[in-house]
Amino acid sequence: MAVALTLVVGAAAVGYATFLMMPKVRAAGNVGAAFTLTDDRGEPITEKALSGHPSLVYFGYTHCPDVCPTTLYDMAGWLKTLGPHADKLKAYFFSVDPERDTPEIMHSYTGNFTDRITGITGSPEEMQKAIKGWRIYAKKVPGADGGYTMDHTASVLLVDAGGNLRGTIAYQENTDVALQKIRNLLQQE
């Protein structure tokens, strides 16, 4: 028990130290891009949605067999665990598959996890601006059945209230470390 507690505390300390050492990167500079997309309620949304509050940003797609639903489940859990401390935090799920991910599909999909995650989609050209601007890897992979899947970056981006990238949460990162990174992001406000 003591060894497990020591490991958790050690992992949290490493996560916190890593977060503090992350340089701020302006979204308008090296990371991020201007975009005009559509949220999961059919309303226009631009890069300005990522300013004025800290955000969790994830790029994925609704037909994803495992990584995306797992990550959105984790995000919903983090928001629930943080409770009122996360009231200022926004969470966004950007589609890397706008050909299939309509606003209605995104709304239904994110609603399966929580009403706190906003789905974002748009034309393939506009989605590419966001994908490339945030340096997200996304590639269509043909399937044996004539369909396709999408290979994509699996990290959640931590964006501060100024639109600065402050760090990431890796796919299936230790929950305590992920929560500490989010708490640190909230304190940066």
N, C-alpha and C. Protein backbone atom coordinates (compact mmCIF):
# COMPACT_ATOMS: atom_id res chain seq x y z
N MET A 1 0.82 -1.18 0.00
CA MET A 1 0.00 0.00 0.00
C MET A 1 0.87 1.26 0.00
N ALA A 2 1.88 1.29 0.84
CA ALA A 2 2.77 2.45 0.93
C ALA A 2 3.53 2.65 -0.38
N VAL A 3 3.93 1.54 -1.01
CA VAL A 3 4.65 1.64 -2.29
C VAL A 3 3.73 2.21 -3.36
N ALA A 4 2.48 1.76 -3.40
CA ALA A 4 1.52 2.26 -4.39
C ALA A 4 1.27 3.75 -4.18
N LEU A 5 1.11 4.17 -2.93
CA LEU A 5 0.89 5.57 -2.63
C LEU A 5 2.11 6.40 -3.04
N THR A 6 3.29 5.90 -2.77
CA THR A 6 4.52 6.59 -3.15
C THR A 6 4.59 6.75 -4.66
N LEU A 7 4.21 5.69 -5.40
CA LEU A 7 4.22 5.77 -6.87
C LEU A 7 3.23 6.80 -7.38
N VAL A 8 2.04 6.84 -6.81
CA VAL A 8 1.03 7.81 -7.24
C VAL A 8 1.50 9.23 -6.95
N VAL A 9 2.01 9.46 -5.75
CA VAL A 9 2.50 10.79 -5.39
C VAL A 9 3.68 11.17 -6.30
N GLY A 10 4.55 10.23 -6.55
CA GLY A 10 5.69 10.49 -7.44
C GLY A 10 5.25 10.82 -8.84
N ALA A 11 4.28 10.08 -9.36
CA ALA A 11 3.76 10.34 -10.71
C ALA A 11 3.10 11.72 -10.77
N ALA A 12 2.35 12.08 -9.74
CA ALA A 12 1.71 13.39 -9.70
C ALA A 12 2.76 14.50 -9.67
N ALA A 13 3.83 14.30 -8.90
CA ALA A 13 4.89 15.30 -8.81
C ALA A 13 5.59 15.48 -10.15
N VAL A 14 5.84 14.39 -10.84
CA VAL A 14 6.48 14.46 -12.16
C VAL A 14 5.55 15.19 -13.13
N GLY A 15 4.26 14.85 -13.10
CA GLY A 15 3.29 15.51 -13.98
C GLY A 15 3.23 17.00 -13.70
N TYR A 16 3.22 17.39 -12.43
CA TYR A 16 3.16 18.79 -12.06
C TYR A 16 4.43 19.52 -12.51
N ALA A 17 5.58 18.93 -12.27
CA ALA A 17 6.84 19.56 -12.67
C ALA A 17 6.91 19.71 -14.19
N THR A 18 6.46 18.69 -14.91
CA THR A 18 6.45 18.76 -16.38
C THR A 18 5.54 19.88 -16.84
N PHE A 19 4.36 20.00 -16.23
CA PHE A 19 3.41 21.04 -16.60
C PHE A 19 4.01 22.42 -16.38
N LEU A 20 4.66 22.64 -15.25
CA LEU A 20 5.23 23.95 -14.94
C LEU A 20 6.36 24.32 -15.89
N MET A 21 7.08 23.32 -16.39
CA MET A 21 8.21 23.59 -17.28
C MET A 21 7.77 23.79 -18.72
N MET A 22 6.49 23.48 -19.05
CA MET A 22 6.01 23.64 -20.41
C MET A 22 5.99 25.12 -20.77
N PRO A 23 6.62 25.51 -21.88
CA PRO A 23 6.56 26.91 -22.26
C PRO A 23 5.17 27.25 -22.80
N LYS A 24 4.78 28.50 -22.62
CA LYS A 24 3.54 28.96 -23.23
C LYS A 24 3.78 29.11 -24.72
N VAL A 25 2.83 28.67 -25.51
CA VAL A 25 2.91 28.82 -26.96
C VAL A 25 1.62 29.48 -27.40
N ARG A 26 1.69 30.65 -27.93
CA ARG A 26 0.48 31.36 -28.36
C ARG A 26 -0.19 30.61 -29.50
N ALA A 27 -1.50 30.45 -29.40
CA ALA A 27 -2.26 29.79 -30.45
C ALA A 27 -2.14 30.55 -31.76
N ALA A 28 -2.02 31.87 -31.69
CA ALA A 28 -1.91 32.65 -32.91
C ALA A 28 -0.50 32.58 -33.49
N GLY A 29 0.45 32.05 -32.74
CA GLY A 29 1.82 31.97 -33.21
C GLY A 29 2.13 30.60 -33.79
N ASN A 30 2.83 29.80 -33.02
CA ASN A 30 3.31 28.52 -33.52
C ASN A 30 2.25 27.42 -33.54
N VAL A 31 1.23 27.50 -32.69
CA VAL A 31 0.23 26.46 -32.60
C VAL A 31 -1.14 27.10 -32.67
N GLY A 32 -2.05 26.45 -33.38
CA GLY A 32 -3.40 26.97 -33.52
C GLY A 32 -3.56 27.66 -34.86
N ALA A 33 -4.78 27.93 -35.22
CA ALA A 33 -5.07 28.59 -36.49
C ALA A 33 -6.47 29.16 -36.44
N ALA A 34 -6.69 30.16 -37.29
CA ALA A 34 -8.04 30.70 -37.42
C ALA A 34 -8.90 29.66 -38.14
N PHE A 35 -10.13 29.51 -37.69
CA PHE A 35 -11.06 28.59 -38.34
C PHE A 35 -12.48 29.07 -38.15
N THR A 36 -13.34 28.65 -39.03
CA THR A 36 -14.78 28.87 -38.91
C THR A 36 -15.43 27.52 -39.09
N LEU A 37 -15.91 26.96 -37.99
CA LEU A 37 -16.48 25.61 -37.99
C LEU A 37 -17.90 25.66 -37.43
N THR A 38 -18.45 24.51 -37.12
CA THR A 38 -19.81 24.41 -36.61
C THR A 38 -19.79 23.54 -35.36
N ASP A 39 -20.47 24.01 -34.30
CA ASP A 39 -20.53 23.18 -33.10
C ASP A 39 -21.64 22.15 -33.24
N ASP A 40 -21.77 21.30 -32.24
CA ASP A 40 -22.71 20.19 -32.33
C ASP A 40 -24.17 20.61 -32.20
N ARG A 41 -24.42 21.89 -32.04
CA ARG A 41 -25.79 22.41 -32.04
C ARG A 41 -26.09 23.18 -33.33
N GLY A 42 -25.14 23.12 -34.28
CA GLY A 42 -25.33 23.78 -35.56
C GLY A 42 -24.96 25.24 -35.57
N GLU A 43 -24.32 25.72 -34.50
CA GLU A 43 -23.94 27.13 -34.40
C GLU A 43 -22.50 27.33 -34.88
N PRO A 44 -22.21 28.48 -35.51
CA PRO A 44 -20.83 28.76 -35.92
C PRO A 44 -19.91 28.87 -34.71
N ILE A 45 -18.69 28.43 -34.89
CA ILE A 45 -17.69 28.53 -33.82
C ILE A 45 -16.34 28.83 -34.47
N THR A 46 -15.58 29.72 -33.83
CA THR A 46 -14.26 30.08 -34.35
C THR A 46 -13.20 29.80 -33.29
N GLU A 47 -11.97 30.09 -33.64
CA GLU A 47 -10.85 29.89 -32.71
C GLU A 47 -11.01 30.73 -31.44
N LYS A 48 -11.85 31.76 -31.49
CA LYS A 48 -12.07 32.61 -30.32
C LYS A 48 -12.74 31.83 -29.18
N ALA A 49 -13.36 30.71 -29.49
CA ALA A 49 -13.99 29.87 -28.46
C ALA A 49 -12.94 29.31 -27.49
N LEU A 50 -11.67 29.30 -27.91
CA LEU A 50 -10.61 28.75 -27.07
C LEU A 50 -9.95 29.82 -26.20
N SER A 51 -10.52 31.02 -26.16
CA SER A 51 -9.97 32.10 -25.34
C SER A 51 -10.97 32.47 -24.25
N GLY A 52 -10.44 32.97 -23.14
CA GLY A 52 -11.29 33.45 -22.05
C GLY A 52 -11.54 32.43 -20.96
N HIS A 53 -11.09 31.22 -21.18
CA HIS A 53 -11.27 30.14 -20.20
C HIS A 53 -10.30 29.02 -20.56
N PRO A 54 -9.88 28.21 -19.59
CA PRO A 54 -9.05 27.06 -19.92
C PRO A 54 -9.90 26.01 -20.64
N SER A 55 -9.24 25.23 -21.50
CA SER A 55 -9.96 24.24 -22.30
C SER A 55 -9.20 22.92 -22.40
N LEU A 56 -9.99 21.86 -22.51
CA LEU A 56 -9.48 20.55 -22.91
C LEU A 56 -9.88 20.39 -24.36
N VAL A 57 -8.92 20.10 -25.22
CA VAL A 57 -9.19 19.98 -26.66
C VAL A 57 -8.73 18.60 -27.13
N TYR A 58 -9.64 17.90 -27.78
CA TYR A 58 -9.32 16.56 -28.28
C TYR A 58 -9.77 16.45 -29.72
N PHE A 59 -8.92 15.87 -30.56
CA PHE A 59 -9.23 15.63 -31.97
C PHE A 59 -9.46 14.14 -32.17
N GLY A 60 -10.60 13.77 -32.71
CA GLY A 60 -10.93 12.37 -32.94
C GLY A 60 -12.10 12.25 -33.89
N TYR A 61 -12.81 11.12 -33.83
CA TYR A 61 -13.96 10.95 -34.72
C TYR A 61 -14.94 9.96 -34.13
N THR A 62 -16.19 10.08 -34.54
CA THR A 62 -17.27 9.32 -33.91
C THR A 62 -17.29 7.84 -34.28
N HIS A 63 -16.66 7.46 -35.38
CA HIS A 63 -16.62 6.04 -35.77
C HIS A 63 -15.40 5.32 -35.19
N CYS A 64 -14.67 6.00 -34.34
CA CYS A 64 -13.46 5.44 -33.73
C CYS A 64 -13.85 4.24 -32.86
N PRO A 65 -13.17 3.11 -33.03
CA PRO A 65 -13.56 1.92 -32.29
C PRO A 65 -13.15 1.89 -30.82
N ASP A 66 -12.09 2.60 -30.44
CA ASP A 66 -11.66 2.47 -29.04
C ASP A 66 -11.03 3.72 -28.43
N VAL A 67 -10.08 4.35 -29.07
CA VAL A 67 -9.33 5.45 -28.47
C VAL A 67 -10.24 6.65 -28.17
N CYS A 68 -11.08 7.04 -29.12
CA CYS A 68 -11.94 8.21 -28.90
C CYS A 68 -12.98 8.00 -27.81
N PRO A 69 -13.73 6.88 -27.86
CA PRO A 69 -14.70 6.72 -26.77
C PRO A 69 -14.02 6.60 -25.40
N THR A 70 -12.86 5.97 -25.35
CA THR A 70 -12.14 5.87 -24.09
C THR A 70 -11.72 7.24 -23.59
N THR A 71 -11.21 8.07 -24.50
CA THR A 71 -10.75 9.40 -24.12
C THR A 71 -11.92 10.28 -23.69
N LEU A 72 -13.03 10.25 -24.42
CA LEU A 72 -14.18 11.07 -24.03
C LEU A 72 -14.76 10.59 -22.70
N TYR A 73 -14.75 9.29 -22.46
CA TYR A 73 -15.17 8.75 -21.17
C TYR A 73 -14.26 9.28 -20.06
N ASP A 74 -12.94 9.28 -20.32
CA ASP A 74 -11.99 9.83 -19.34
C ASP A 74 -12.25 11.31 -19.10
N MET A 75 -12.46 12.08 -20.19
CA MET A 75 -12.71 13.52 -20.04
C MET A 75 -13.96 13.76 -19.19
N ALA A 76 -15.02 13.02 -19.47
CA ALA A 76 -16.25 13.16 -18.68
C ALA A 76 -15.99 12.85 -17.22
N GLY A 77 -15.17 11.83 -16.96
CA GLY A 77 -14.82 11.47 -15.59
C GLY A 77 -14.01 12.55 -14.90
N TRP A 78 -13.07 13.16 -15.62
CA TRP A 78 -12.27 14.24 -15.03
C TRP A 78 -13.17 15.40 -14.66
N LEU A 79 -14.07 15.78 -15.56
CA LEU A 79 -14.97 16.89 -15.29
C LEU A 79 -15.85 16.61 -14.07
N LYS A 80 -16.33 15.39 -14.00
CA LYS A 80 -17.19 15.01 -12.86
C LYS A 80 -16.40 15.02 -11.56
N THR A 81 -15.19 14.45 -11.58
CA THR A 81 -14.35 14.40 -10.38
C THR A 81 -14.00 15.81 -9.90
N LEU A 82 -13.71 16.71 -10.82
CA LEU A 82 -13.34 18.07 -10.44
C LEU A 82 -14.54 18.87 -9.94
N GLY A 83 -15.73 18.45 -10.29
CA GLY A 83 -16.95 19.09 -9.80
C GLY A 83 -16.97 20.58 -10.10
N PRO A 84 -17.35 21.40 -9.10
CA PRO A 84 -17.46 22.84 -9.32
C PRO A 84 -16.13 23.51 -9.66
N HIS A 85 -15.02 22.85 -9.33
CA HIS A 85 -13.70 23.41 -9.68
C HIS A 85 -13.52 23.49 -11.19
N ALA A 86 -14.28 22.69 -11.93
CA ALA A 86 -14.16 22.66 -13.39
C ALA A 86 -15.21 23.53 -14.09
N ASP A 87 -15.94 24.34 -13.33
CA ASP A 87 -17.00 25.15 -13.94
C ASP A 87 -16.48 26.11 -15.01
N LYS A 88 -15.26 26.60 -14.86
CA LYS A 88 -14.69 27.53 -15.84
C LYS A 88 -14.01 26.80 -16.99
N LEU A 89 -13.90 25.51 -16.90
CA LEU A 89 -13.21 24.70 -17.90
C LEU A 89 -14.17 24.30 -19.03
N LYS A 90 -13.74 24.46 -20.27
CA LYS A 90 -14.51 24.02 -21.43
C LYS A 90 -13.82 22.79 -22.02
N ALA A 91 -14.61 21.94 -22.66
CA ALA A 91 -14.06 20.74 -23.29
C ALA A 91 -14.60 20.65 -24.71
N TYR A 92 -13.69 20.40 -25.67
CA TYR A 92 -14.05 20.36 -27.08
C TYR A 92 -13.55 19.08 -27.73
N PHE A 93 -14.40 18.53 -28.60
CA PHE A 93 -14.08 17.34 -29.38
C PHE A 93 -14.15 17.72 -30.86
N PHE A 94 -12.98 17.96 -31.47
CA PHE A 94 -12.88 18.33 -32.88
C PHE A 94 -12.83 17.07 -33.73
N SER A 95 -13.63 17.02 -34.79
CA SER A 95 -13.64 15.86 -35.67
C SER A 95 -12.45 15.88 -36.63
N VAL A 96 -11.84 14.73 -36.82
CA VAL A 96 -10.84 14.56 -37.87
C VAL A 96 -11.48 13.84 -39.07
N ASP A 97 -12.80 13.62 -38.99
CA ASP A 97 -13.55 12.90 -40.02
C ASP A 97 -14.84 13.67 -40.36
N PRO A 98 -14.69 14.89 -40.89
CA PRO A 98 -15.88 15.71 -41.15
C PRO A 98 -16.79 15.14 -42.24
N GLU A 99 -16.29 14.21 -43.04
CA GLU A 99 -17.15 13.59 -44.06
C GLU A 99 -18.31 12.83 -43.43
N ARG A 100 -18.09 12.24 -42.26
CA ARG A 100 -19.13 11.47 -41.58
C ARG A 100 -19.68 12.17 -40.34
N ASP A 101 -18.89 13.04 -39.74
CA ASP A 101 -19.27 13.65 -38.46
C ASP A 101 -20.03 14.96 -38.67
N THR A 102 -21.34 14.86 -38.81
CA THR A 102 -22.19 16.04 -38.92
C THR A 102 -22.41 16.62 -37.51
N PRO A 103 -22.91 17.84 -37.42
CA PRO A 103 -23.21 18.39 -36.08
C PRO A 103 -24.16 17.50 -35.29
N GLU A 104 -25.18 16.95 -35.94
CA GLU A 104 -26.14 16.09 -35.24
C GLU A 104 -25.47 14.83 -34.70
N ILE A 105 -24.62 14.22 -35.50
CA ILE A 105 -23.91 13.01 -35.07
C ILE A 105 -22.96 13.36 -33.93
N MET A 106 -22.27 14.48 -34.04
CA MET A 106 -21.35 14.90 -32.97
C MET A 106 -22.11 15.15 -31.67
N HIS A 107 -23.29 15.79 -31.76
CA HIS A 107 -24.07 16.09 -30.56
C HIS A 107 -24.54 14.80 -29.88
N SER A 108 -25.02 13.88 -30.67
CA SER A 108 -25.48 12.61 -30.12
C SER A 108 -24.31 11.85 -29.49
N TYR A 109 -23.19 11.84 -30.17
CA TYR A 109 -22.01 11.10 -29.71
C TYR A 109 -21.47 11.67 -28.40
N THR A 110 -21.22 12.98 -28.36
CA THR A 110 -20.66 13.57 -27.14
C THR A 110 -21.67 13.49 -26.00
N GLY A 111 -22.95 13.56 -26.31
CA GLY A 111 -23.99 13.46 -25.29
C GLY A 111 -24.02 12.12 -24.60
N ASN A 112 -23.46 11.10 -25.24
CA ASN A 112 -23.36 9.78 -24.60
C ASN A 112 -22.39 9.79 -23.42
N PHE A 113 -21.52 10.78 -23.37
CA PHE A 113 -20.51 10.86 -22.32
C PHE A 113 -20.85 11.92 -21.27
N THR A 114 -21.18 13.11 -21.74
CA THR A 114 -21.52 14.23 -20.86
C THR A 114 -22.04 15.38 -21.73
N ASP A 115 -22.78 16.27 -21.13
CA ASP A 115 -23.22 17.46 -21.86
C ASP A 115 -22.18 18.57 -21.77
N ARG A 116 -21.04 18.28 -21.16
CA ARG A 116 -19.98 19.28 -20.97
C ARG A 116 -18.96 19.31 -22.11
N ILE A 117 -19.03 18.35 -23.05
CA ILE A 117 -18.10 18.31 -24.17
C ILE A 117 -18.83 18.80 -25.42
N THR A 118 -18.27 19.81 -26.07
CA THR A 118 -18.85 20.36 -27.29
C THR A 118 -18.18 19.73 -28.50
N GLY A 119 -18.97 19.12 -29.37
CA GLY A 119 -18.45 18.56 -30.61
C GLY A 119 -18.29 19.66 -31.64
N ILE A 120 -17.24 19.58 -32.42
CA ILE A 120 -16.96 20.59 -33.45
C ILE A 120 -16.61 19.89 -34.75
N THR A 121 -17.27 20.32 -35.83
CA THR A 121 -17.03 19.78 -37.15
C THR A 121 -17.16 20.91 -38.17
N GLY A 122 -17.07 20.57 -39.43
CA GLY A 122 -17.18 21.58 -40.47
C GLY A 122 -16.76 21.01 -41.80
N SER A 123 -16.52 21.87 -42.74
CA SER A 123 -16.08 21.41 -44.05
C SER A 123 -14.69 20.79 -43.92
N PRO A 124 -14.37 19.84 -44.80
CA PRO A 124 -13.02 19.25 -44.74
C PRO A 124 -11.91 20.29 -44.80
N GLU A 125 -12.10 21.35 -45.59
CA GLU A 125 -11.07 22.39 -45.72
C GLU A 125 -10.88 23.14 -44.41
N GLU A 126 -11.98 23.52 -43.76
CA GLU A 126 -11.87 24.23 -42.49
C GLU A 126 -11.35 23.34 -41.38
N MET A 127 -11.76 22.07 -41.38
CA MET A 127 -11.25 21.13 -40.37
C MET A 127 -9.74 20.97 -40.53
N GLN A 128 -9.27 20.94 -41.77
CA GLN A 128 -7.83 20.81 -42.00
C GLN A 128 -7.07 22.00 -41.43
N LYS A 129 -7.66 23.19 -41.48
CA LYS A 129 -7.00 24.37 -40.89
C LYS A 129 -6.77 24.14 -39.39
N ALA A 130 -7.80 23.66 -38.70
CA ALA A 130 -7.66 23.41 -37.26
C ALA A 130 -6.70 22.26 -36.99
N ILE A 131 -6.82 21.19 -37.76
CA ILE A 131 -5.96 20.02 -37.57
C ILE A 131 -4.49 20.39 -37.78
N LYS A 132 -4.21 21.05 -38.88
CA LYS A 132 -2.82 21.44 -39.17
C LYS A 132 -2.35 22.52 -38.21
N GLY A 133 -3.22 23.47 -37.88
CA GLY A 133 -2.84 24.56 -36.98
C GLY A 133 -2.44 24.06 -35.60
N TRP A 134 -3.11 23.01 -35.12
CA TRP A 134 -2.79 22.47 -33.81
C TRP A 134 -1.78 21.31 -33.90
N ARG A 135 -1.25 21.11 -35.11
CA ARG A 135 -0.23 20.08 -35.37
C ARG A 135 -0.71 18.69 -34.95
N ILE A 136 -1.94 18.39 -35.34
CA ILE A 136 -2.54 17.10 -35.07
C ILE A 136 -2.28 16.18 -36.26
N TYR A 137 -1.91 14.96 -35.98
CA TYR A 137 -1.75 13.95 -37.02
C TYR A 137 -3.12 13.34 -37.27
N ALA A 138 -3.54 13.30 -38.53
CA ALA A 138 -4.80 12.66 -38.90
C ALA A 138 -4.67 12.14 -40.33
N LYS A 139 -4.95 10.85 -40.51
CA LYS A 139 -4.81 10.23 -41.82
C LYS A 139 -5.89 9.17 -42.00
N LYS A 140 -6.55 9.23 -43.15
CA LYS A 140 -7.57 8.23 -43.49
C LYS A 140 -6.87 6.93 -43.86
N VAL A 141 -7.36 5.82 -43.29
CA VAL A 141 -6.78 4.50 -43.55
C VAL A 141 -7.88 3.61 -44.13
N PRO A 142 -7.72 3.19 -45.40
CA PRO A 142 -8.75 2.33 -46.01
C PRO A 142 -8.88 1.01 -45.26
N GLY A 143 -10.13 0.54 -45.15
CA GLY A 143 -10.39 -0.73 -44.48
C GLY A 143 -10.62 -1.83 -45.50
N ALA A 144 -10.56 -3.07 -45.06
CA ALA A 144 -10.73 -4.23 -45.94
C ALA A 144 -12.15 -4.32 -46.49
N ASP A 145 -13.12 -3.74 -45.76
CA ASP A 145 -14.52 -3.83 -46.17
C ASP A 145 -14.96 -2.70 -47.07
N GLY A 146 -14.04 -1.87 -47.52
CA GLY A 146 -14.37 -0.73 -48.35
C GLY A 146 -14.57 0.55 -47.55
N GLY A 147 -14.68 0.44 -46.24
CA GLY A 147 -14.81 1.61 -45.38
C GLY A 147 -13.44 2.16 -45.04
N TYR A 148 -13.37 2.91 -43.97
CA TYR A 148 -12.09 3.45 -43.54
C TYR A 148 -12.12 3.78 -42.06
N THR A 149 -10.93 3.91 -41.51
CA THR A 149 -10.75 4.41 -40.15
C THR A 149 -9.84 5.63 -40.25
N MET A 150 -9.59 6.26 -39.14
CA MET A 150 -8.71 7.42 -39.11
C MET A 150 -7.62 7.19 -38.07
N ASP A 151 -6.38 7.28 -38.50
CA ASP A 151 -5.27 7.34 -37.55
C ASP A 151 -5.18 8.79 -37.10
N HIS A 152 -4.96 9.03 -35.82
CA HIS A 152 -4.91 10.41 -35.35
C HIS A 152 -4.19 10.51 -34.02
N THR A 153 -3.74 11.72 -33.71
CA THR A 153 -3.15 12.02 -32.42
C THR A 153 -4.15 11.67 -31.33
N ALA A 154 -3.68 11.06 -30.27
CA ALA A 154 -4.59 10.59 -29.21
C ALA A 154 -4.44 11.37 -27.91
N SER A 155 -3.75 12.48 -27.90
CA SER A 155 -3.56 13.26 -26.68
C SER A 155 -4.61 14.35 -26.55
N VAL A 156 -4.95 14.67 -25.30
CA VAL A 156 -5.83 15.81 -25.01
C VAL A 156 -4.92 17.02 -24.83
N LEU A 157 -5.25 18.11 -25.52
CA LEU A 157 -4.48 19.34 -25.42
C LEU A 157 -5.01 20.16 -24.25
N LEU A 158 -4.10 20.73 -23.47
CA LEU A 158 -4.43 21.62 -22.36
C LEU A 158 -4.17 23.05 -22.83
N VAL A 159 -5.24 23.83 -22.97
CA VAL A 159 -5.14 25.19 -23.50
C VAL A 159 -5.58 26.16 -22.41
N ASP A 160 -4.74 27.15 -22.13
CA ASP A 160 -5.09 28.09 -21.05
C ASP A 160 -6.05 29.17 -21.55
N ALA A 161 -6.47 30.05 -20.65
CA ALA A 161 -7.47 31.07 -20.96
C ALA A 161 -7.01 32.05 -22.03
N GLY A 162 -5.71 32.15 -22.23
CA GLY A 162 -5.18 33.03 -23.28
C GLY A 162 -5.05 32.35 -24.63
N GLY A 163 -5.49 31.09 -24.73
CA GLY A 163 -5.36 30.35 -25.98
C GLY A 163 -3.99 29.73 -26.17
N ASN A 164 -3.21 29.63 -25.08
CA ASN A 164 -1.86 29.07 -25.14
C ASN A 164 -1.89 27.57 -24.86
N LEU A 165 -1.18 26.81 -25.65
CA LEU A 165 -1.01 25.39 -25.38
C LEU A 165 -0.09 25.25 -24.17
N ARG A 166 -0.58 24.58 -23.12
CA ARG A 166 0.19 24.45 -21.89
C ARG A 166 0.70 23.04 -21.64
N GLY A 167 0.22 22.08 -22.41
CA GLY A 167 0.66 20.71 -22.22
C GLY A 167 -0.35 19.74 -22.80
N THR A 168 -0.15 18.47 -22.49
CA THR A 168 -1.04 17.44 -23.01
C THR A 168 -1.30 16.40 -21.92
N ILE A 169 -2.36 15.67 -22.13
CA ILE A 169 -2.63 14.47 -21.34
C ILE A 169 -2.60 13.32 -22.33
N ALA A 170 -1.71 12.38 -22.10
CA ALA A 170 -1.54 11.24 -23.00
C ALA A 170 -2.74 10.30 -22.91
N TYR A 171 -2.94 9.53 -23.94
CA TYR A 171 -4.00 8.52 -23.96
C TYR A 171 -3.81 7.57 -22.78
N GLN A 172 -4.84 7.41 -21.99
CA GLN A 172 -4.88 6.56 -20.80
C GLN A 172 -3.79 6.90 -19.78
N GLU A 173 -3.44 8.19 -19.70
CA GLU A 173 -2.50 8.63 -18.67
C GLU A 173 -3.12 8.36 -17.29
N ASN A 174 -2.28 8.16 -16.31
CA ASN A 174 -2.72 7.93 -14.94
C ASN A 174 -3.73 9.01 -14.56
N THR A 175 -4.87 8.60 -14.02
CA THR A 175 -5.95 9.53 -13.70
C THR A 175 -5.51 10.62 -12.73
N ASP A 176 -4.75 10.27 -11.72
CA ASP A 176 -4.30 11.27 -10.75
C ASP A 176 -3.39 12.31 -11.41
N VAL A 177 -2.53 11.87 -12.31
CA VAL A 177 -1.64 12.79 -13.01
C VAL A 177 -2.46 13.68 -13.94
N ALA A 178 -3.41 13.09 -14.66
CA ALA A 178 -4.27 13.88 -15.55
C ALA A 178 -5.03 14.95 -14.77
N LEU A 179 -5.61 14.56 -13.65
CA LEU A 179 -6.36 15.51 -12.84
C LEU A 179 -5.46 16.62 -12.30
N GLN A 180 -4.23 16.28 -11.91
CA GLN A 180 -3.31 17.31 -11.43
C GLN A 180 -2.95 18.28 -12.54
N LYS A 181 -2.76 17.78 -13.76
CA LYS A 181 -2.46 18.67 -14.88
C LYS A 181 -3.63 19.63 -15.12
N ILE A 182 -4.85 19.14 -15.01
CA ILE A 182 -6.02 19.99 -15.21
C ILE A 182 -6.13 21.00 -14.07
N ARG A 183 -5.90 20.58 -12.86
CA ARG A 183 -5.92 21.52 -11.72
C ARG A 183 -4.87 22.63 -11.92
N ASN A 184 -3.71 22.25 -12.40
CA ASN A 184 -2.65 23.23 -12.65
C ASN A 184 -3.09 24.21 -13.75
N LEU A 185 -3.74 23.69 -14.77
CA LEU A 185 -4.25 24.53 -15.85
C LEU A 185 -5.26 25.54 -15.30
N LEU A 186 -6.15 25.07 -14.44
CA LEU A 186 -7.15 25.95 -13.84
C LEU A 186 -6.53 27.02 -12.97
N GLN A 187 -5.41 26.72 -12.33
CA GLN A 187 -4.73 27.69 -11.48
C GLN A 187 -4.01 28.76 -12.29
N GLN A 188 -3.73 28.48 -13.55
CA GLN A 188 -3.01 29.44 -14.41
C GLN A 188 -3.88 30.62 -14.80
N GLU A 189 -5.17 30.51 -14.60
CA GLU A 189 -6.10 31.54 -15.04
C GLU A 189 -5.85 32.86 -14.36
